[in-house]
Each structure stands twice: as C-alpha cells, then as structure tokens.
Amino acid sequence: MKKLTQLFSLEGEIAVVIGATGALGSAMAQALAQAGATVAVCGRSRERGEKCVNAILAIGGNAAFFETNALSRESLENAHQLIRSSLGHVSILVNAAGGNDPAATVTPENPFESIPQAAWQANFDLNLVGGALLPCQVFGQAMIQQRRGSIINIASVSAHIPLSRVVAYSAAKAAVLSLTRFLAREWAPYGVRVNSITPGFFPAEQNRRLLFNDDGSPTERTRSILAHTPLQRFGEPHELAGAVIFLASSAASSFVTGTDIRVDGGFLSQTI
C-alpha cells in the first residue's frame, strides 16, 4: 500500500484544465498544481488565463497558458499539439468550461414554450459540445494511445434534478453525465478513467445575477437554495480541490470510473 502522500501526488503528470479562466476552473487548476502536476491553463481570455498561471507560479507550481476555444475542434487540436510539444503527454483532462445562456432562462416574460431554438443550441454547445464532447475526443484519443489517463467532466446539481428556470442548462448537464458514463465504459479497456464532479451552488459570474440583487442582497432564489442545502451556505471554489485531486490521481482512484462525486453541501440529499 502506498503512503498517503503518494496516493494524492500528481508529480510528473501533465494536466489540462479547459475553462481554467473561470472561478471554479482556476481553483481546480491551482489544486492540481499544488499536488505536483504541471498544468496547461486553457481558455479564451488571455488576461484571466495568465492570472491563473501567475497564481500557480506564486505557490511554487508549474503552469502555462494556452489560448483555446473549446467550441472549435481545430483550436483544441492546436492547443493539444502545443501542450505536447512544450509540456509533454497529457494524462489528466478537466473539462470546466460551461455556463447558462440567459436567453434560455425561463421567466414569466420568457416562458418555456417561447425559448428560441438558438438559445437551446447555445447551451448544448457550451456545456456538452465544448464542455465535454470535443475535448474528450481530442485529448481522449491520445490517452487511448498511451493507455492511461483521467478525464474529469463538470456536471451540476441541475443534471440530477432539473431546477426551475435553467431548463436548457439542466438538460445539457444531464447529457454530460450520460456521456461521462458512456466513455467510462468504452475507454476502460485502454486504461482511461472518466468521471465527473457535481458542484452545488458556488457563486460565480454565470449565476450571480440569479443569486443576488443589484444591491448585493440575496434573491428569493438564494433563500430557497440555502433552505434546501443542509450545510446552509454556498460552496467556495477551493472546496472542489479534494474531489479533483482524488479523481486525477491514478493511485488514489485507480478503480474509480463512471462515478460522479457530489460537492454540494448536501443539496441533493435534501428532500423536505
């Protein structure tokens, strides 16, 4: 049996975090670096990407930014080639890109039956196609060839129980869970593990307007969420670190694939 420090060490691993320019993606990238991985910070915003890289360098980690559009296979393939040539073979992939298109949010002024098809498509493109499908195809192919790798997709509590208002986002994230389980079965013979993490409610740019009023006071939705969360608070980005390091480590989670780890403060356990 390996020592505890060895179980969760990612020394020598090359990790790609797509969507590391967001709050949760950045926190997970920093966690992987702290565990010893060299991290390829991928996203569309160079400013936020370099901010993430600098945060990793400040704690003694290794990282580099690669400008990447997760919705473009060509962009992903170019990033993959650059990462392989400059850092080495990728063994860990975290798909943290995602978000909700406001045009698909159900409101009294925008009922379900009026949501335009383009808004549905935008949610599925961002959360399923760019948030899991294309990156898994591009980076997964190389992992199959090297016969090892860990892929971590980011789901949502709304993938398990469709939440009010964000119907298209919920459907897209449910598809991410389904894809994760499919790939776990298909790629297990090649030594590639595919799992997901379900974050609960973590205030970020994409959902802040639903959780807080313009004056900073909590919305009725926030009060409802916290009343349904046993720990009675929102999550903080650093609280995803344990789950992502566990799933990334081939020593700690070598027999774990097709699994979803919930980091939700008990939200999905609450019934009445």
Protein backbone atom coordinates (compact mmCIF):
# COMPACT_ATOMS: atom_id res chain seq x y z
CA MET A 1 0.00 0.00 0.00
CA LYS A 2 1.30 3.44 -0.92
CA LYS A 3 1.82 6.14 1.66
CA LEU A 4 -0.92 8.75 1.94
CA THR A 5 1.28 11.43 0.39
CA GLN A 6 1.96 9.16 -2.58
CA LEU A 7 -1.72 8.40 -3.11
CA PHE A 8 -2.52 12.02 -3.80
CA SER A 9 0.70 13.07 -5.51
CA LEU A 10 0.47 14.19 -9.13
CA GLU A 11 4.21 14.65 -9.58
CA GLY A 12 5.23 14.10 -13.20
CA GLU A 13 1.67 14.41 -14.53
CA ILE A 14 0.56 16.88 -17.19
CA ALA A 15 -2.93 18.23 -16.53
CA VAL A 16 -5.09 20.23 -18.92
CA VAL A 17 -7.87 22.36 -17.45
CA ILE A 18 -10.20 23.74 -20.08
CA GLY A 19 -12.16 26.65 -18.67
CA ALA A 20 -9.42 27.44 -16.17
CA THR A 21 -10.15 31.12 -16.83
CA GLY A 22 -13.34 30.79 -14.75
CA ALA A 23 -13.54 30.83 -10.95
CA LEU A 24 -14.08 27.11 -10.45
CA GLY A 25 -11.74 26.04 -13.25
CA SER A 26 -8.99 28.27 -11.87
CA ALA A 27 -9.39 26.81 -8.38
CA MET A 28 -9.14 23.28 -9.73
CA ALA A 29 -6.09 24.16 -11.81
CA GLN A 30 -4.37 25.54 -8.72
CA ALA A 31 -5.28 22.41 -6.74
CA LEU A 32 -3.75 20.15 -9.39
CA ALA A 33 -0.59 22.24 -9.40
CA GLN A 34 -0.33 22.09 -5.61
CA ALA A 35 -0.48 18.30 -5.89
CA GLY A 36 2.52 18.41 -8.22
CA ALA A 37 1.06 18.39 -11.73
CA THR A 38 2.24 20.70 -14.47
CA VAL A 39 -0.92 22.49 -15.58
CA ALA A 40 -1.94 23.69 -19.01
CA VAL A 41 -4.36 26.53 -18.33
CA CYS A 42 -6.76 26.67 -21.29
CA GLY A 43 -9.43 29.24 -22.08
CA ARG A 44 -10.36 32.14 -24.32
CA SER A 45 -9.34 35.01 -22.04
CA ARG A 46 -5.60 35.54 -22.02
CA GLU A 47 -5.88 38.06 -19.19
CA ARG A 48 -7.70 35.66 -16.87
CA GLY A 49 -5.60 32.73 -18.05
CA GLU A 50 -2.35 34.45 -17.21
CA LYS A 51 -3.82 35.48 -13.86
CA CYS A 52 -4.42 31.81 -13.11
CA VAL A 53 -0.90 30.90 -14.24
CA ASN A 54 0.61 33.60 -12.03
CA ALA A 55 -1.38 32.33 -9.05
CA ILE A 56 0.05 28.85 -9.65
CA LEU A 57 3.59 30.14 -10.04
CA ALA A 58 3.18 32.13 -6.81
CA ILE A 59 2.60 28.90 -4.85
CA GLY A 60 5.59 27.21 -6.44
CA GLY A 61 3.69 25.28 -9.11
CA ASN A 62 4.27 24.89 -12.83
CA ALA A 63 1.79 26.17 -15.42
CA ALA A 64 1.44 27.77 -18.83
CA PHE A 65 -1.47 29.41 -20.62
CA PHE A 66 -2.80 28.16 -23.96
CA GLU A 67 -5.47 30.23 -25.65
CA THR A 68 -8.23 27.76 -26.52
CA ASN A 69 -11.78 27.88 -27.83
CA ALA A 70 -13.47 24.72 -26.55
CA LEU A 71 -16.16 25.04 -29.22
CA SER A 72 -13.59 24.67 -32.00
CA ARG A 73 -12.05 21.27 -32.70
CA GLU A 74 -9.26 22.97 -34.65
CA SER A 75 -8.45 25.21 -31.68
CA LEU A 76 -8.42 22.22 -29.32
CA GLU A 77 -6.18 20.22 -31.64
CA ASN A 78 -3.76 23.14 -31.98
CA ALA A 79 -3.67 23.56 -28.20
CA HIS A 80 -3.07 19.84 -27.75
CA GLN A 81 -0.13 19.89 -30.14
CA LEU A 82 1.39 22.91 -28.39
CA ILE A 83 0.92 21.35 -24.97
CA ARG A 84 2.51 18.06 -26.03
CA SER A 85 5.49 19.79 -27.62
CA SER A 86 6.12 22.19 -24.73
CA LEU A 87 5.00 20.26 -21.64
CA GLY A 88 4.66 16.59 -22.56
CA HIS A 89 1.97 13.93 -22.86
CA VAL A 90 -1.32 14.84 -21.21
CA SER A 91 -2.53 12.39 -18.54
CA ILE A 92 -5.26 14.48 -16.87
CA LEU A 93 -8.10 16.44 -18.51
CA VAL A 94 -10.56 18.60 -16.58
CA ASN A 95 -13.46 19.96 -18.60
CA ALA A 96 -14.56 23.04 -16.67
CA ALA A 97 -15.98 25.17 -19.49
CA GLY A 98 -19.70 25.86 -19.24
CA GLY A 99 -22.43 28.32 -18.42
CA ASN A 100 -26.06 29.26 -18.94
CA ASP A 101 -27.25 31.34 -21.88
CA PRO A 102 -29.68 33.90 -20.34
CA ALA A 103 -31.88 33.69 -23.43
CA ALA A 104 -32.81 30.14 -22.37
CA THR A 105 -33.74 31.07 -18.80
CA VAL A 106 -37.44 30.57 -18.11
CA THR A 107 -39.15 33.65 -16.70
CA PRO A 108 -42.73 34.99 -16.77
CA GLU A 109 -41.67 37.12 -19.74
CA ASN A 110 -39.84 34.21 -21.41
CA PRO A 111 -41.88 31.03 -20.80
CA PHE A 112 -40.59 27.60 -21.80
CA GLU A 113 -42.63 27.49 -24.99
CA SER A 114 -41.05 30.75 -26.17
CA ILE A 115 -37.39 29.82 -25.71
CA PRO A 116 -35.76 30.14 -29.14
CA GLN A 117 -34.01 27.14 -30.62
CA ALA A 118 -30.79 29.15 -30.87
CA ALA A 119 -30.73 29.57 -27.09
CA TRP A 120 -31.18 25.83 -26.57
CA GLN A 121 -28.40 25.16 -29.06
CA ALA A 122 -26.09 27.68 -27.36
CA ASN A 123 -26.49 25.88 -24.03
CA PHE A 124 -25.83 22.46 -25.51
CA ASP A 125 -22.86 23.77 -27.49
CA LEU A 126 -21.24 25.38 -24.46
CA ASN A 127 -21.98 22.74 -21.82
CA LEU A 128 -21.98 19.50 -23.80
CA VAL A 129 -20.10 20.01 -27.05
CA GLY A 130 -17.40 22.38 -25.80
CA GLY A 131 -17.78 21.42 -22.16
CA ALA A 132 -17.08 17.72 -22.68
CA LEU A 133 -17.58 16.19 -26.13
CA LEU A 134 -14.90 17.87 -28.26
CA PRO A 135 -12.18 17.98 -25.56
CA CYS A 136 -12.79 14.30 -24.79
CA GLN A 137 -12.43 13.44 -28.46
CA VAL A 138 -9.23 15.42 -28.95
CA PHE A 139 -7.39 14.62 -25.73
CA GLY A 140 -9.00 11.22 -25.18
CA GLN A 141 -7.62 9.87 -28.44
CA ALA A 142 -4.06 10.47 -27.25
CA MET A 143 -4.85 8.95 -23.83
CA ILE A 144 -6.15 5.81 -25.54
CA GLN A 145 -2.91 5.55 -27.49
CA GLN A 146 -0.77 5.92 -24.37
CA ARG A 147 -3.20 3.62 -22.50
CA ARG A 148 -3.59 5.81 -19.43
CA GLY A 149 -5.41 8.95 -18.42
CA SER A 150 -8.04 10.53 -16.20
CA ILE A 151 -10.83 12.70 -17.57
CA ILE A 152 -12.97 14.75 -15.20
CA ASN A 153 -16.12 16.36 -16.52
CA ILE A 154 -18.03 19.00 -14.55
CA ALA A 155 -21.73 18.33 -14.13
CA SER A 156 -24.27 20.22 -11.99
CA VAL A 157 -26.90 19.52 -9.36
CA SER A 158 -29.39 20.51 -12.06
CA ALA A 159 -28.26 17.47 -14.07
CA HIS A 160 -29.74 15.25 -11.35
CA ILE A 161 -32.90 17.18 -10.51
CA PRO A 162 -33.91 19.78 -13.12
CA LEU A 163 -34.05 23.14 -11.40
CA SER A 164 -36.58 25.83 -12.15
CA ARG A 165 -35.74 28.42 -14.80
CA VAL A 166 -32.49 26.89 -16.17
CA VAL A 167 -34.12 24.15 -18.23
CA ALA A 168 -31.70 24.12 -21.17
CA TYR A 169 -28.66 24.21 -18.88
CA SER A 170 -30.10 21.33 -16.83
CA ALA A 171 -30.70 19.23 -19.94
CA ALA A 172 -27.20 19.89 -21.26
CA LYS A 173 -25.56 18.98 -17.96
CA ALA A 174 -27.63 15.79 -17.76
CA ALA A 175 -26.18 14.92 -21.16
CA VAL A 176 -22.69 15.47 -19.74
CA LEU A 177 -23.40 12.87 -17.06
CA SER A 178 -24.63 10.41 -19.68
CA LEU A 179 -21.57 10.99 -21.87
CA THR A 180 -19.29 10.51 -18.87
CA ARG A 181 -20.74 7.08 -18.10
CA PHE A 182 -20.65 6.07 -21.75
CA LEU A 183 -16.97 6.96 -22.12
CA ALA A 184 -16.12 5.30 -18.79
CA ARG A 185 -17.39 2.03 -20.21
CA GLU A 186 -15.90 2.47 -23.69
CA TRP A 187 -12.42 3.56 -22.61
CA ALA A 188 -11.87 1.38 -19.54
CA PRO A 189 -10.06 -1.30 -21.61
CA TYR A 190 -7.48 1.34 -22.57
CA GLY A 191 -6.73 2.44 -19.01
CA VAL A 192 -8.58 5.74 -19.39
CA ARG A 193 -10.87 6.62 -16.49
CA VAL A 194 -13.76 9.05 -16.99
CA ASN A 195 -15.60 10.56 -14.02
CA SER A 196 -17.49 13.71 -13.14
CA ILE A 197 -17.86 16.18 -10.30
CA THR A 198 -21.21 17.74 -9.43
CA PRO A 199 -20.67 21.10 -7.75
CA GLY A 200 -23.50 22.53 -5.72
CA PHE A 201 -24.05 26.27 -5.68
CA PHE A 202 -20.85 28.26 -5.99
CA PRO A 203 -21.47 31.96 -6.72
CA ALA A 204 -19.70 32.89 -9.95
CA GLU A 205 -20.15 35.23 -12.88
CA GLN A 206 -22.63 32.97 -14.66
CA ASN A 207 -25.13 32.71 -11.80
CA ARG A 208 -24.53 35.81 -9.70
CA ARG A 209 -27.44 37.72 -11.24
CA LEU A 210 -29.78 34.87 -10.25
CA LEU A 211 -28.48 34.75 -6.68
CA PHE A 212 -28.03 38.40 -5.75
CA ASN A 213 -29.89 41.63 -6.43
CA ASP A 214 -28.11 44.68 -7.81
CA ASP A 215 -27.62 45.97 -4.27
CA GLY A 216 -25.94 42.72 -3.19
CA SER A 217 -28.88 41.41 -1.17
CA PRO A 218 -29.87 37.75 -1.66
CA THR A 219 -32.65 36.96 -4.10
CA GLU A 220 -35.60 34.74 -3.26
CA ARG A 221 -33.83 32.02 -5.25
CA THR A 222 -30.83 32.25 -2.92
CA ARG A 223 -33.05 31.91 0.13
CA SER A 224 -34.67 28.86 -1.43
CA ILE A 225 -31.31 27.27 -2.29
CA LEU A 226 -29.85 27.75 1.17
CA ALA A 227 -33.01 26.41 2.80
CA HIS A 228 -32.55 23.27 0.67
CA THR A 229 -28.83 22.93 1.49
CA PRO A 230 -28.13 21.09 4.79
CA LEU A 231 -24.85 22.97 5.30
CA GLN A 232 -26.84 26.21 4.82
CA ARG A 233 -24.27 28.08 2.77
CA PHE A 234 -22.78 28.36 -0.70
CA GLY A 235 -19.64 26.49 -1.64
CA GLU A 236 -16.24 28.09 -2.08
CA PRO A 237 -14.07 27.23 -5.11
CA HIS A 238 -11.23 25.74 -3.03
CA GLU A 239 -13.67 23.12 -1.71
CA LEU A 240 -13.52 21.34 -5.07
CA ALA A 241 -9.80 20.61 -4.61
CA GLY A 242 -10.16 17.29 -2.80
CA ALA A 243 -12.51 15.78 -5.36
CA VAL A 244 -10.47 16.83 -8.39
CA ILE A 245 -7.16 15.61 -6.93
CA PHE A 246 -8.71 12.29 -5.90
CA LEU A 247 -10.13 11.63 -9.37
CA ALA A 248 -6.97 12.84 -11.11
CA SER A 249 -4.69 10.55 -9.12
CA SER A 250 -4.19 7.14 -10.71
CA ALA A 251 -3.02 5.87 -7.33
CA ALA A 252 -5.92 7.16 -5.23
CA SER A 253 -8.75 6.37 -7.67
CA SER A 254 -7.33 3.60 -9.86
CA PHE A 255 -10.57 1.55 -9.55
CA VAL A 256 -12.91 4.52 -9.96
CA THR A 257 -14.55 5.24 -13.30
CA GLY A 258 -18.05 6.23 -14.37
CA THR A 259 -18.57 7.87 -10.98
CA ASP A 260 -19.99 11.27 -10.08
CA ILE A 261 -18.73 12.96 -6.92
CA ARG A 262 -21.14 15.50 -5.43
CA VAL A 263 -19.67 18.57 -3.74
CA ASP A 264 -22.96 20.24 -2.97
CA GLY A 265 -23.29 20.79 0.77
CA GLY A 266 -25.91 18.05 0.85
CA PHE A 267 -28.25 19.76 -1.65
CA LEU A 268 -29.14 16.55 -3.50
CA SER A 269 -29.71 14.69 -0.23
CA GLN A 270 -32.40 17.10 0.98
CA THR A 271 -35.99 16.08 0.37
CA ILE A 272 -38.33 18.10 2.59
